[in-house]
Amino acid sequence: PCRIVWNVDRTELLLDWLEENPEECQKLFSDSSKDAKDEGQRKHVVKGSKSKFHRMIAAAVFSIDSDTDIHVDFQVNPTNYTKSVDNYI
């Protein structure tokens, strides 16, 4: 497996995904139900794990990576990249 390094280009792609997907972003970084209630806001509940968003981000970042080895490794080991996104954000 390749070593995953979060360089500027990959970070920019991650940030682009977050900006282009505001509803998913809100769910990914949502407050607790109590915090939302205290602030008079509606909580956007994630059904299931937030890892689905990490997978979506990993695909947006690594499936088009300029490093061919990373691109190929992502296709073979997507879980490694999903976990990397989780750890990075």
Protein backbone atom coordinates (compact mmCIF):
# COMPACT_ATOMS: atom_id res chain seq x y z
CA PRO A 1 0.00 0.00 0.00
CA CYS A 2 1.04 3.57 -0.66
CA ARG A 3 1.78 6.03 2.11
CA ILE A 4 -0.91 8.71 2.09
CA VAL A 5 0.39 12.25 2.45
CA TRP A 6 -2.00 15.19 2.63
CA ASN A 7 -0.33 17.72 0.37
CA VAL A 8 -1.77 21.07 -0.67
CA ASP A 9 -3.48 19.71 -3.80
CA ARG A 10 -5.25 16.94 -1.91
CA THR A 11 -6.27 19.30 0.86
CA GLU A 12 -7.68 21.72 -1.72
CA LEU A 13 -9.74 18.90 -3.26
CA LEU A 14 -11.06 17.99 0.19
CA LEU A 15 -12.02 21.61 0.86
CA ASP A 16 -13.63 21.87 -2.58
CA TRP A 17 -15.76 18.82 -1.81
CA LEU A 18 -16.85 20.30 1.51
CA GLU A 19 -17.81 23.60 -0.16
CA GLU A 20 -19.67 21.85 -2.99
CA ASN A 21 -21.61 19.57 -0.61
CA PRO A 22 -22.93 21.83 2.17
CA GLU A 23 -25.63 19.44 3.40
CA GLU A 24 -23.19 16.55 3.72
CA CYS A 25 -20.66 18.89 5.30
CA GLN A 26 -23.20 20.00 7.89
CA LYS A 27 -24.02 16.39 8.75
CA LEU A 28 -20.35 15.46 8.90
CA PHE A 29 -19.54 18.24 11.36
CA SER A 30 -22.89 18.37 13.14
CA ASP A 31 -23.21 19.28 16.79
CA SER A 32 -24.77 17.00 19.29
CA SER A 33 -28.56 16.99 19.62
CA LYS A 34 -28.25 18.88 22.90
CA ASP A 35 -26.05 21.60 21.38
CA ALA A 36 -28.43 22.04 18.46
CA LYS A 37 -31.42 22.29 20.82
CA ASP A 38 -29.63 24.78 23.09
CA GLU A 39 -28.86 26.94 20.05
CA GLY A 40 -32.43 26.69 18.76
CA GLN A 41 -31.30 24.88 15.65
CA ARG A 42 -32.48 21.74 13.99
CA LYS A 43 -30.04 18.86 14.12
CA HIS A 44 -29.26 17.16 10.84
CA VAL A 45 -29.01 13.52 11.80
CA VAL A 46 -26.68 11.20 9.98
CA LYS A 47 -28.28 7.86 9.33
CA GLY A 48 -25.54 5.35 9.95
CA SER A 49 -21.89 6.17 10.15
CA LYS A 50 -20.13 9.31 9.05
CA SER A 51 -17.70 7.02 7.24
CA LYS A 52 -19.92 7.23 4.15
CA PHE A 53 -18.92 10.89 3.88
CA HIS A 54 -15.28 9.98 4.39
CA ARG A 55 -15.62 7.49 1.51
CA MET A 56 -17.18 10.15 -0.70
CA ILE A 57 -14.37 12.59 0.08
CA ALA A 58 -11.72 9.92 -0.47
CA ALA A 59 -13.19 9.19 -3.90
CA ALA A 60 -13.29 12.90 -4.77
CA VAL A 61 -9.66 13.35 -3.74
CA PHE A 62 -7.84 10.14 -4.60
CA SER A 63 -9.70 8.75 -7.61
CA ILE A 64 -8.33 11.66 -9.65
CA ASP A 65 -4.93 11.89 -7.98
CA SER A 66 -2.07 12.95 -10.22
CA ASP A 67 0.12 10.21 -8.71
CA THR A 68 -0.74 7.07 -10.67
CA ASP A 69 0.37 4.79 -7.82
CA ILE A 70 -2.04 6.52 -5.43
CA HIS A 71 -4.84 6.39 -7.99
CA VAL A 72 -4.36 2.64 -8.51
CA ASP A 73 -3.90 1.92 -4.80
CA PHE A 74 -7.11 3.80 -4.02
CA GLN A 75 -8.99 1.48 -6.38
CA VAL A 76 -7.54 -1.57 -4.60
CA ASN A 77 -7.58 -0.30 -0.99
CA PRO A 78 -10.33 2.34 -0.66
CA THR A 79 -10.70 1.65 3.06
CA ASN A 80 -7.17 2.92 3.73
CA TYR A 81 -8.03 6.21 2.06
CA THR A 82 -11.38 6.49 3.80
CA LYS A 83 -9.59 6.10 7.14
CA SER A 84 -7.01 8.68 6.09
CA VAL A 85 -9.79 11.20 5.43
CA ASP A 86 -11.32 10.42 8.82
CA ASN A 87 -7.98 10.95 10.55
CA TYR A 88 -7.19 14.12 8.60
CA ILE A 89 -10.41 15.96 9.28
